[in-house]
PDB file of N, CA and C in Angstrom:
ATOM      1  N   MET A   1     -14.088 -14.540   4.349  1.00  0.00           N
ATOM      2  CA  MET A   1     -12.839 -14.823   3.684  1.00  0.00           C
ATOM      3  C   MET A   1     -11.721 -14.140   4.450  1.00  0.00           C
ATOM      4  N   GLN A   2     -10.596 -14.807   4.587  1.00  0.00           N
ATOM      5  CA  GLN A   2      -9.443 -14.227   5.249  1.00  0.00           C
ATOM      6  C   GLN A   2      -8.272 -14.200   4.287  1.00  0.00           C
ATOM      7  N   ARG A   3      -7.513 -13.150   4.367  1.00  0.00           N
ATOM      8  CA  ARG A   3      -6.287 -13.011   3.588  1.00  0.00           C
ATOM      9  C   ARG A   3      -5.204 -12.457   4.495  1.00  0.00           C
ATOM     10  N   THR A   4      -3.985 -12.863   4.276  1.00  0.00           N
ATOM     11  CA  THR A   4      -2.881 -12.230   4.970  1.00  0.00           C
ATOM     12  C   THR A   4      -2.552 -10.954   4.225  1.00  0.00           C
ATOM     13  N   VAL A   5      -2.499  -9.867   4.960  1.00  0.00           N
ATOM     14  CA  VAL A   5      -2.266  -8.560   4.382  1.00  0.00           C
ATOM     15  C   VAL A   5      -0.961  -8.016   4.922  1.00  0.00           C
ATOM     16  N   ARG A   6      -0.159  -7.511   4.044  1.00  0.00           N
ATOM     17  CA  ARG A   6       1.082  -6.846   4.438  1.00  0.00           C
ATOM     18  C   ARG A   6       0.744  -5.373   4.604  1.00  0.00           C
ATOM     19  N   VAL A   7       1.060  -4.800   5.757  1.00  0.00           N
ATOM     20  CA  VAL A   7       0.796  -3.392   6.026  1.00  0.00           C
ATOM     21  C   VAL A   7       2.131  -2.675   6.102  1.00  0.00           C
ATOM     22  N   ILE A   8       2.293  -1.680   5.266  1.00  0.00           N
ATOM     23  CA  ILE A   8       3.538  -0.919   5.252  1.00  0.00           C
ATOM     24  C   ILE A   8       3.216   0.533   5.536  1.00  0.00           C
ATOM     25  N   GLU A   9       3.892   1.073   6.516  1.00  0.00           N
ATOM     26  CA  GLU A   9       3.705   2.459   6.920  1.00  0.00           C
ATOM     27  C   GLU A   9       4.893   3.257   6.404  1.00  0.00           C
ATOM     28  N   ALA A  10       4.625   4.302   5.665  1.00  0.00           N
ATOM     29  CA  ALA A  10       5.695   5.135   5.120  1.00  0.00           C
ATOM     30  C   ALA A  10       5.531   6.568   5.617  1.00  0.00           C
ATOM     31  N   TYR A  11       6.590   7.104   6.160  1.00  0.00           N
ATOM     32  CA  TYR A  11       6.600   8.488   6.621  1.00  0.00           C
ATOM     33  C   TYR A  11       7.083   9.364   5.475  1.00  0.00           C
ATOM     34  N   VAL A  12       6.284  10.365   5.102  1.00  0.00           N
ATOM     35  CA  VAL A  12       6.629  11.244   3.985  1.00  0.00           C
ATOM     36  C   VAL A  12       6.492  12.699   4.435  1.00  0.00           C
ATOM     37  N   PRO A  13       7.610  13.360   4.719  1.00  0.00           N
ATOM     38  CA  PRO A  13       7.545  14.768   5.131  1.00  0.00           C
ATOM     39  C   PRO A  13       6.836  15.622   4.082  1.00  0.00           C
ATOM     40  N   GLY A  14       6.020  16.541   4.542  1.00  0.00           N
ATOM     41  CA  GLY A  14       5.313  17.444   3.635  1.00  0.00           C
ATOM     42  C   GLY A  14       4.098  16.845   2.967  1.00  0.00           C
ATOM     43  N   LEU A  15       3.623  15.727   3.469  1.00  0.00           N
ATOM     44  CA  LEU A  15       2.505  15.029   2.842  1.00  0.00           C
ATOM     45  C   LEU A  15       1.231  15.870   2.821  1.00  0.00           C
ATOM     46  N   SER A  16       1.025  16.678   3.831  1.00  0.00           N
ATOM     47  CA  SER A  16      -0.204  17.479   3.906  1.00  0.00           C
ATOM     48  C   SER A  16      -0.289  18.542   2.812  1.00  0.00           C
ATOM     49  N   GLU A  17       0.817  18.823   2.175  1.00  0.00           N
ATOM     50  CA  GLU A  17       0.838  19.838   1.113  1.00  0.00           C
ATOM     51  C   GLU A  17       0.573  19.247  -0.275  1.00  0.00           C
ATOM     52  N   ARG A  18       0.389  17.950  -0.359  1.00  0.00           N
ATOM     53  CA  ARG A  18       0.187  17.279  -1.647  1.00  0.00           C
ATOM     54  C   ARG A  18      -1.265  17.359  -2.087  1.00  0.00           C
ATOM     55  N   PRO A  19      -1.514  17.572  -3.391  1.00  0.00           N
ATOM     56  CA  PRO A  19      -2.895  17.563  -3.892  1.00  0.00           C
ATOM     57  C   PRO A  19      -3.414  16.123  -4.015  1.00  0.00           C
ATOM     58  N   THR A  20      -4.718  15.966  -4.074  1.00  0.00           N
ATOM     59  CA  THR A  20      -5.340  14.648  -4.173  1.00  0.00           C
ATOM     60  C   THR A  20      -4.822  13.854  -5.364  1.00  0.00           C
ATOM     61  N   VAL A  21      -4.590  14.517  -6.476  1.00  0.00           N
ATOM     62  CA  VAL A  21      -4.117  13.829  -7.679  1.00  0.00           C
ATOM     63  C   VAL A  21      -2.751  13.171  -7.447  1.00  0.00           C
ATOM     64  N   TRP A  22      -1.954  13.738  -6.577  1.00  0.00           N
ATOM     65  CA  TRP A  22      -0.642  13.145  -6.270  1.00  0.00           C
ATOM     66  C   TRP A  22      -0.822  11.766  -5.646  1.00  0.00           C
ATOM     67  N   TYR A  23      -1.755  11.644  -4.685  1.00  0.00           N
ATOM     68  CA  TYR A  23      -2.021  10.358  -4.044  1.00  0.00           C
ATOM     69  C   TYR A  23      -2.550   9.339  -5.055  1.00  0.00           C
ATOM     70  N   GLU A  24      -3.447   9.794  -5.921  1.00  0.00           N
ATOM     71  CA  GLU A  24      -4.025   8.904  -6.925  1.00  0.00           C
ATOM     72  C   GLU A  24      -2.959   8.375  -7.877  1.00  0.00           C
ATOM     73  N   ARG A  25      -2.067   9.251  -8.322  1.00  0.00           N
ATOM     74  CA  ARG A  25      -0.983   8.815  -9.219  1.00  0.00           C
ATOM     75  C   ARG A  25      -0.035   7.851  -8.523  1.00  0.00           C
ATOM     76  N   LEU A  26       0.305   8.149  -7.274  1.00  0.00           N
ATOM     77  CA  LEU A  26       1.199   7.283  -6.516  1.00  0.00           C
ATOM     78  C   LEU A  26       0.592   5.894  -6.336  1.00  0.00           C
ATOM     79  N   GLN A  27      -0.680   5.836  -5.975  1.00  0.00           N
ATOM     80  CA  GLN A  27      -1.351   4.549  -5.793  1.00  0.00           C
ATOM     81  C   GLN A  27      -1.412   3.786  -7.106  1.00  0.00           C
ATOM     82  N   ALA A  28      -1.730   4.459  -8.189  1.00  0.00           N
ATOM     83  CA  ALA A  28      -1.837   3.805  -9.496  1.00  0.00           C
ATOM     84  C   ALA A  28      -0.479   3.255  -9.959  1.00  0.00           C
ATOM     85  N   THR A  29       0.572   4.021  -9.750  1.00  0.00           N
ATOM     86  CA  THR A  29       1.911   3.580 -10.161  1.00  0.00           C
ATOM     87  C   THR A  29       2.369   2.376  -9.353  1.00  0.00           C
ATOM     88  N   ALA A  30       2.178   2.430  -8.039  1.00  0.00           N
ATOM     89  CA  ALA A  30       2.566   1.297  -7.189  1.00  0.00           C
ATOM     90  C   ALA A  30       1.715   0.067  -7.498  1.00  0.00           C
ATOM     91  N   ALA A  31       0.409   0.267  -7.730  1.00  0.00           N
ATOM     92  CA  ALA A  31      -0.481  -0.855  -8.055  1.00  0.00           C
ATOM     93  C   ALA A  31      -0.049  -1.531  -9.346  1.00  0.00           C
ATOM     94  N   ALA A  32       0.318  -0.744 -10.342  1.00  0.00           N
ATOM     95  CA  ALA A  32       0.765  -1.319 -11.621  1.00  0.00           C
ATOM     96  C   ALA A  32       2.042  -2.131 -11.437  1.00  0.00           C
ATOM     97  N   ALA A  33       2.956  -1.639 -10.620  1.00  0.00           N
ATOM     98  CA  ALA A  33       4.213  -2.360 -10.386  1.00  0.00           C
ATOM     99  C   ALA A  33       3.989  -3.668  -9.642  1.00  0.00           C
ATOM    100  N   LEU A  34       3.002  -3.707  -8.744  1.00  0.00           N
ATOM    101  CA  LEU A  34       2.744  -4.915  -7.947  1.00  0.00           C
ATOM    102  C   LEU A  34       1.788  -5.886  -8.618  1.00  0.00           C
ATOM    103  N   ARG A  35       1.005  -5.402  -9.559  1.00  0.00           N
ATOM    104  CA  ARG A  35       0.036  -6.262 -10.254  1.00  0.00           C
ATOM    105  C   ARG A  35       0.736  -7.431 -10.942  1.00  0.00           C
ATOM    106  N   ALA A  36       1.933  -7.191 -11.477  1.00  0.00           N
ATOM    107  CA  ALA A  36       2.693  -8.258 -12.145  1.00  0.00           C
ATOM    108  C   ALA A  36       3.059  -9.385 -11.175  1.00  0.00           C
ATOM    109  N   GLN A  37       3.107  -9.068  -9.894  1.00  0.00           N
ATOM    110  CA  GLN A  37       3.403 -10.074  -8.866  1.00  0.00           C
ATOM    111  C   GLN A  37       2.128 -10.738  -8.335  1.00  0.00           C
ATOM    112  N   GLY A  38       0.967 -10.376  -8.898  1.00  0.00           N
ATOM    113  CA  GLY A  38      -0.303 -10.931  -8.443  1.00  0.00           C
ATOM    114  C   GLY A  38      -0.796 -10.311  -7.148  1.00  0.00           C
ATOM    115  N   LEU A  39      -0.371  -9.078  -6.874  1.00  0.00           N
ATOM    116  CA  LEU A  39      -0.736  -8.412  -5.625  1.00  0.00           C
ATOM    117  C   LEU A  39      -1.687  -7.252  -5.880  1.00  0.00           C
ATOM    118  N   GLU A  40      -2.529  -6.978  -4.898  1.00  0.00           N
ATOM    119  CA  GLU A  40      -3.438  -5.836  -4.949  1.00  0.00           C
ATOM    120  C   GLU A  40      -3.107  -4.930  -3.774  1.00  0.00           C
ATOM    121  N   ILE A  41      -3.356  -3.614  -3.934  1.00  0.00           N
ATOM    122  CA  ILE A  41      -3.047  -2.696  -2.855  1.00  0.00           C
ATOM    123  C   ILE A  41      -4.175  -1.696  -2.625  1.00  0.00           C
ATOM    124  N   ALA A  42      -4.186  -1.171  -1.418  1.00  0.00           N
ATOM    125  CA  ALA A  42      -5.041  -0.042  -1.057  1.00  0.00           C
ATOM    126  C   ALA A  42      -4.140   0.941  -0.326  1.00  0.00           C
ATOM    127  N   LEU A  43      -4.438   2.212  -0.463  1.00  0.00           N
ATOM    128  CA  LEU A  43      -3.627   3.251   0.169  1.00  0.00           C
ATOM    129  C   LEU A  43      -4.497   4.087   1.092  1.00  0.00           C
ATOM    130  N   LEU A  44      -4.063   4.222   2.331  1.00  0.00           N
ATOM    131  CA  LEU A  44      -4.707   5.099   3.294  1.00  0.00           C
ATOM    132  C   LEU A  44      -3.717   6.217   3.581  1.00  0.00           C
ATOM    133  N   ALA A  45      -4.066   7.431   3.178  1.00  0.00           N
ATOM    134  CA  ALA A  45      -3.187   8.582   3.394  1.00  0.00           C
ATOM    135  C   ALA A  45      -3.658   9.361   4.609  1.00  0.00           C
ATOM    136  N   MET A  46      -2.733   9.685   5.487  1.00  0.00           N
ATOM    137  CA  MET A  46      -3.013  10.504   6.665  1.00  0.00           C
ATOM    138  C   MET A  46      -2.111  11.735   6.587  1.00  0.00           C
ATOM    139  N   PRO A  47      -2.544  12.730   5.815  1.00  0.00           N
ATOM    140  CA  PRO A  47      -1.690  13.894   5.553  1.00  0.00           C
ATOM    141  C   PRO A  47      -1.194  14.613   6.801  1.00  0.00           C
ATOM    142  N   ASN A  48      -2.051  14.799   7.805  1.00  0.00           N
ATOM    143  CA  ASN A  48      -1.620  15.524   8.998  1.00  0.00           C
ATOM    144  C   ASN A  48      -0.568  14.772   9.802  1.00  0.00           C
ATOM    145  N   ASP A  49      -0.524  13.450   9.652  1.00  0.00           N
ATOM    146  CA  ASP A  49       0.504  12.625  10.299  1.00  0.00           C
ATOM    147  C   ASP A  49       1.715  12.423   9.394  1.00  0.00           C
ATOM    148  N   GLU A  50       1.622  12.894   8.164  1.00  0.00           N
ATOM    149  CA  GLU A  50       2.672  12.687   7.151  1.00  0.00           C
ATOM    150  C   GLU A  50       2.955  11.189   6.982  1.00  0.00           C
ATOM    151  N   THR A  51       1.867  10.413   6.959  1.00  0.00           N
ATOM    152  CA  THR A  51       1.979   8.959   6.906  1.00  0.00           C
ATOM    153  C   THR A  51       1.117   8.377   5.799  1.00  0.00           C
ATOM    154  N   LEU A  52       1.673   7.406   5.097  1.00  0.00           N
ATOM    155  CA  LEU A  52       0.933   6.607   4.126  1.00  0.00           C
ATOM    156  C   LEU A  52       0.885   5.182   4.657  1.00  0.00           C
ATOM    157  N   MET A  53      -0.308   4.600   4.718  1.00  0.00           N
ATOM    158  CA  MET A  53      -0.458   3.207   5.126  1.00  0.00           C
ATOM    159  C   MET A  53      -0.861   2.421   3.883  1.00  0.00           C
ATOM    160  N   TRP A  54      -0.046   1.474   3.503  1.00  0.00           N
ATOM    161  CA  TRP A  54      -0.301   0.627   2.335  1.00  0.00           C
ATOM    162  C   TRP A  54      -0.771  -0.722   2.827  1.00  0.00           C
ATOM    163  N   LEU A  55      -1.897  -1.214   2.298  1.00  0.00           N
ATOM    164  CA  LEU A  55      -2.374  -2.559   2.577  1.00  0.00           C
ATOM    165  C   LEU A  55      -2.175  -3.353   1.296  1.00  0.00           C
ATOM    166  N   VAL A  56      -1.481  -4.467   1.391  1.00  0.00           N
ATOM    167  CA  VAL A  56      -1.138  -5.263   0.211  1.00  0.00           C
ATOM    168  C   VAL A  56      -1.546  -6.705   0.464  1.00  0.00           C
ATOM    169  N   TRP A  57      -2.257  -7.295  -0.511  1.00  0.00           N
ATOM    170  CA  TRP A  57      -2.658  -8.692  -0.381  1.00  0.00           C
ATOM    171  C   TRP A  57      -2.582  -9.374  -1.736  1.00  0.00           C
ATOM    172  N   GLY A  58      -2.467 -10.683  -1.666  1.00  0.00           N
ATOM    173  CA  GLY A  58      -2.415 -11.488  -2.879  1.00  0.00           C
ATOM    174  C   GLY A  58      -3.341 -12.681  -2.754  1.00  0.00           C
ATOM    175  N   ARG A  59      -3.030 -13.726  -3.464  1.00  0.00           N
ATOM    176  CA  ARG A  59      -3.827 -14.950  -3.392  1.00  0.00           C
ATOM    177  C   ARG A  59      -3.625 -15.619  -2.033  1.00  0.00           C
ATOM    178  N   PRO A  60      -4.603 -16.388  -1.570  1.00  0.00           N
ATOM    179  CA  PRO A  60      -4.461 -17.048  -0.261  1.00  0.00           C
ATOM    180  C   PRO A  60      -3.249 -17.979  -0.177  1.00  0.00           C
ATOM    181  N   ASP A  61      -2.829 -18.577  -1.301  1.00  0.00           N
ATOM    182  CA  ASP A  61      -1.716 -19.521  -1.285  1.00  0.00           C
ATOM    183  C   ASP A  61      -0.367 -18.858  -1.564  1.00  0.00           C
ATOM    184  N   GLN A  62      -0.332 -17.550  -1.676  1.00  0.00           N
ATOM    185  CA  GLN A  62       0.882 -16.841  -2.052  1.00  0.00           C
ATOM    186  C   GLN A  62       1.853 -16.733  -0.883  1.00  0.00           C
ATOM    187  N   LEU A  63       3.133 -16.874  -1.192  1.00  0.00           N
ATOM    188  CA  LEU A  63       4.160 -16.707  -0.174  1.00  0.00           C
ATOM    189  C   LEU A  63       4.252 -15.243   0.236  1.00  0.00           C
ATOM    190  N   ASP A  64       4.968 -14.967   1.301  1.00  0.00           N
ATOM    191  CA  ASP A  64       5.111 -13.614   1.831  1.00  0.00           C
ATOM    192  C   ASP A  64       5.657 -12.658   0.773  1.00  0.00           C
ATOM    193  N   PRO A  65       4.863 -11.678   0.367  1.00  0.00           N
ATOM    194  CA  PRO A  65       5.315 -10.731  -0.646  1.00  0.00           C
ATOM    195  C   PRO A  65       6.091  -9.552  -0.064  1.00  0.00           C
ATOM    196  N   GLY A  66       6.351  -9.588   1.243  1.00  0.00           N
ATOM    197  CA  GLY A  66       6.955  -8.457   1.942  1.00  0.00           C
ATOM    198  C   GLY A  66       8.136  -7.791   1.273  1.00  0.00           C
ATOM    199  N   PRO A  67       9.183  -8.524   0.921  1.00  0.00           N
ATOM    200  CA  PRO A  67      10.347  -7.873   0.325  1.00  0.00           C
ATOM    201  C   PRO A  67      10.045  -7.158  -0.996  1.00  0.00           C
ATOM    202  N   VAL A  68       9.236  -7.763  -1.847  1.00  0.00           N
ATOM    203  CA  VAL A  68       8.874  -7.142  -3.118  1.00  0.00           C
ATOM    204  C   VAL A  68       8.056  -5.879  -2.876  1.00  0.00           C
ATOM    205  N   VAL A  69       7.097  -5.973  -1.982  1.00  0.00           N
ATOM    206  CA  VAL A  69       6.221  -4.848  -1.674  1.00  0.00           C
ATOM    207  C   VAL A  69       7.019  -3.682  -1.093  1.00  0.00           C
ATOM    208  N   ALA A  70       7.840  -3.957  -0.112  1.00  0.00           N
ATOM    209  CA  ALA A  70       8.634  -2.897   0.516  1.00  0.00           C
ATOM    210  C   ALA A  70       9.520  -2.198  -0.500  1.00  0.00           C
ATOM    211  N   GLU A  71      10.128  -2.961  -1.390  1.00  0.00           N
ATOM    212  CA  GLU A  71      11.018  -2.372  -2.394  1.00  0.00           C
ATOM    213  C   GLU A  71      10.250  -1.484  -3.357  1.00  0.00           C
ATOM    214  N   VAL A  72       9.102  -1.933  -3.836  1.00  0.00           N
ATOM    215  CA  VAL A  72       8.299  -1.149  -4.783  1.00  0.00           C
ATOM    216  C   VAL A  72       7.790   0.128  -4.125  1.00  0.00           C
ATOM    217  N   ILE A  73       7.243   0.019  -2.938  1.00  0.00           N
ATOM    218  CA  ILE A  73       6.703   1.200  -2.267  1.00  0.00           C
ATOM    219  C   ILE A  73       7.816   2.181  -1.930  1.00  0.00           C
ATOM    220  N   GLN A  74       8.921   1.673  -1.446  1.00  0.00           N
ATOM    221  CA  GLN A  74      10.065   2.547  -1.154  1.00  0.00           C
ATOM    222  C   GLN A  74      10.481   3.309  -2.411  1.00  0.00           C
ATOM    223  N   ARG A  75      10.588   2.606  -3.522  1.00  0.00           N
ATOM    224  CA  ARG A  75      11.001   3.232  -4.788  1.00  0.00           C
ATOM    225  C   ARG A  75       9.971   4.250  -5.261  1.00  0.00           C
ATOM    226  N   GLU A  76       8.696   3.887  -5.272  1.00  0.00           N
ATOM    227  CA  GLU A  76       7.655   4.771  -5.792  1.00  0.00           C
ATOM    228  C   GLU A  76       7.471   6.019  -4.935  1.00  0.00           C
ATOM    229  N   VAL A  77       7.455   5.857  -3.625  1.00  0.00           N
ATOM    230  CA  VAL A  77       7.263   7.014  -2.753  1.00  0.00           C
ATOM    231  C   VAL A  77       8.464   7.938  -2.824  1.00  0.00           C
ATOM    232  N   THR A  78       9.658   7.372  -2.829  1.00  0.00           N
ATOM    233  CA  THR A  78      10.865   8.195  -2.896  1.00  0.00           C
ATOM    234  C   THR A  78      10.932   8.963  -4.206  1.00  0.00           C
ATOM    235  N   SER A  79      10.632   8.299  -5.310  1.00  0.00           N
ATOM    236  CA  SER A  79      10.697   8.992  -6.603  1.00  0.00           C
ATOM    237  C   SER A  79       9.572  10.009  -6.751  1.00  0.00           C
ATOM    238  N   ALA A  80       8.411   9.739  -6.183  1.00  0.00           N
ATOM    239  CA  ALA A  80       7.278  10.660  -6.313  1.00  0.00           C
ATOM    240  C   ALA A  80       7.398  11.863  -5.382  1.00  0.00           C
ATOM    241  N   SER A  81       8.013  11.682  -4.237  1.00  0.00           N
ATOM    242  CA  SER A  81       8.059  12.772  -3.273  1.00  0.00           C
ATOM    243  C   SER A  81       9.416  13.451  -3.205  1.00  0.00           C
ATOM    244  N   GLY A  82      10.453  12.778  -3.693  1.00  0.00           N
ATOM    245  CA  GLY A  82      11.788  13.345  -3.641  1.00  0.00           C
ATOM    246  C   GLY A  82      12.347  13.406  -2.229  1.00  0.00           C
ATOM    247  N   SER A  83      11.769  12.644  -1.317  1.00  0.00           N
ATOM    248  CA  SER A  83      12.251  12.672   0.064  1.00  0.00           C
ATOM    249  C   SER A  83      12.483  11.262   0.571  1.00  0.00           C
ATOM    250  N   ALA A  84      13.164  11.178   1.688  1.00  0.00           N
ATOM    251  CA  ALA A  84      13.438   9.877   2.290  1.00  0.00           C
ATOM    252  C   ALA A  84      12.163   9.297   2.894  1.00  0.00           C
ATOM    253  N   VAL A  85      12.079   7.992   2.906  1.00  0.00           N
ATOM    254  CA  VAL A  85      10.915   7.306   3.456  1.00  0.00           C
ATOM    255  C   VAL A  85      11.385   6.317   4.509  1.00  0.00           C
ATOM    256  N   ILE A  86      10.730   6.345   5.639  1.00  0.00           N
ATOM    257  CA  ILE A  86      10.989   5.365   6.688  1.00  0.00           C
ATOM    258  C   ILE A  86       9.840   4.380   6.626  1.00  0.00           C
ATOM    259  N   GLU A  87      10.139   3.097   6.452  1.00  0.00           N
ATOM    260  CA  GLU A  87       9.038   2.138   6.385  1.00  0.00           C
ATOM    261  C   GLU A  87       9.122   1.127   7.504  1.00  0.00           C
ATOM    262  N   ARG A  88       7.964   0.742   7.959  1.00  0.00           N
ATOM    263  CA  ARG A  88       7.832  -0.272   8.995  1.00  0.00           C
ATOM    264  C   ARG A  88       6.769  -1.232   8.509  1.00  0.00           C
ATOM    265  N   ALA A  89       7.072  -2.492   8.474  1.00  0.00           N
ATOM    266  CA  ALA A  89       6.115  -3.473   7.975  1.00  0.00           C
ATOM    267  C   ALA A  89       5.648  -4.371   9.120  1.00  0.00           C
ATOM    268  N   ILE A  90       4.351  -4.631   9.142  1.00  0.00           N
ATOM    269  CA  ILE A  90       3.781  -5.571  10.100  1.00  0.00           C
ATOM    270  C   ILE A  90       2.848  -6.506   9.327  1.00  0.00           C
ATOM    271  N   ASP A  91       2.575  -7.628   9.878  1.00  0.00           N
ATOM    272  CA  ASP A  91       1.635  -8.551   9.247  1.00  0.00           C
ATOM    273  C   ASP A  91       0.308  -8.484   9.975  1.00  0.00           C
ATOM    274  N   ALA A  92      -0.773  -8.642   9.223  1.00  0.00           N
ATOM    275  CA  ALA A  92      -2.107  -8.576   9.807  1.00  0.00           C
ATOM    276  C   ALA A  92      -3.030  -9.506   9.032  1.00  0.00           C
ATOM    277  N   ARG A  93      -4.210  -9.706   9.549  1.00  0.00           N
ATOM    278  CA  ARG A  93      -5.245 -10.451   8.824  1.00  0.00           C
ATOM    279  C   ARG A  93      -6.352  -9.485   8.473  1.00  0.00           C
ATOM    280  N   PHE A  94      -6.741  -9.500   7.235  1.00  0.00           N
ATOM    281  CA  PHE A  94      -7.818  -8.653   6.731  1.00  0.00           C
ATOM    282  C   PHE A  94      -8.997  -9.581   6.530  1.00  0.00           C
ATOM    283  N   VAL A  95     -10.076  -9.350   7.245  1.00  0.00           N
ATOM    284  CA  VAL A  95     -11.226 -10.244   7.203  1.00  0.00           C
ATOM    285  C   VAL A  95     -12.432  -9.468   6.686  1.00  0.00           C
ATOM    286  N   TRP A  96     -13.078 -10.005   5.680  1.00  0.00           N
ATOM    287  CA  TRP A  96     -14.278  -9.394   5.147  1.00  0.00           C
ATOM    288  C   TRP A  96     -15.194 -10.476   4.601  1.00  0.00           C
ATOM    289  N   LEU A  97     -16.447 -10.134   4.477  1.00  0.00           N
ATOM    290  CA  LEU A  97     -17.427 -11.051   3.919  1.00  0.00           C
ATOM    291  C   LEU A  97     -17.755 -10.593   2.507  1.00  0.00           C
ATOM    292  N   GLU A  98     -17.669 -11.500   1.557  1.00  0.00           N
ATOM    293  CA  GLU A  98     -18.039 -11.159   0.200  1.00  0.00           C
ATOM    294  C   GLU A  98     -19.543 -11.223   0.087  1.00  0.00           C
ATOM    295  N   SER A  99     -20.121 -10.246  -0.564  1.00  0.00           N
ATOM    296  CA  SER A  99     -21.560 -10.179  -0.733  1.00  0.00           C
ATOM    297  C   SER A  99     -22.025 -11.279  -1.681  1.00  0.00           C
ATOM    298  N   ASP A 100     -23.104 -11.932  -1.312  1.00  0.00           N
ATOM    299  CA  ASP A 100     -23.639 -12.974  -2.194  1.00  0.00           C
ATOM    300  C   ASP A 100     -24.736 -12.405  -3.098  1.00  0.00           C
ATOM    301  N   GLY A 101     -24.920 -11.064  -3.025  1.00  0.00           N
ATOM    302  CA  GLY A 101     -25.924 -10.419  -3.869  1.00  0.00           C
ATOM    303  C   GLY A 101     -27.322 -10.467  -3.296  1.00  0.00           C
ATOM    304  N   LYS A 102     -27.492 -11.100  -2.143  1.00  0.00           N
ATOM    305  CA  LYS A 102     -28.809 -11.181  -1.518  1.00  0.00           C
ATOM    306  C   LYS A 102     -28.841 -10.233  -0.331  1.00  0.00           C
ATOM    307  N   ALA A 103     -29.718  -9.269  -0.396  1.00  0.00           N
ATOM    308  CA  ALA A 103     -29.796  -8.323   0.728  1.00  0.00           C
ATOM    309  C   ALA A 103     -31.232  -8.001   1.045  1.00  0.00           C
TER     310      ALA A 103
END
């Protein structure tokens, strides 16, 4: 199965000083805000790089969710961290095989 995935990179100063629960709350809040748009997200945190990588995908027939995603992530990260966020968005293809239950 292939899906178009929006990848958003956010720079967050002081990220390495955040506890694990902070990342979990941030991901949950952003996921709830995007769920209404039919989008799903995953968060890859790289504390030593002070970088958050967000992977966002929706239905195969969905139009580009980029502007909505960027706005939500910008808002959530800024409000959660109290700092400025620099975001860069790129498009990618996320390819995976769904398990048919036979192994």
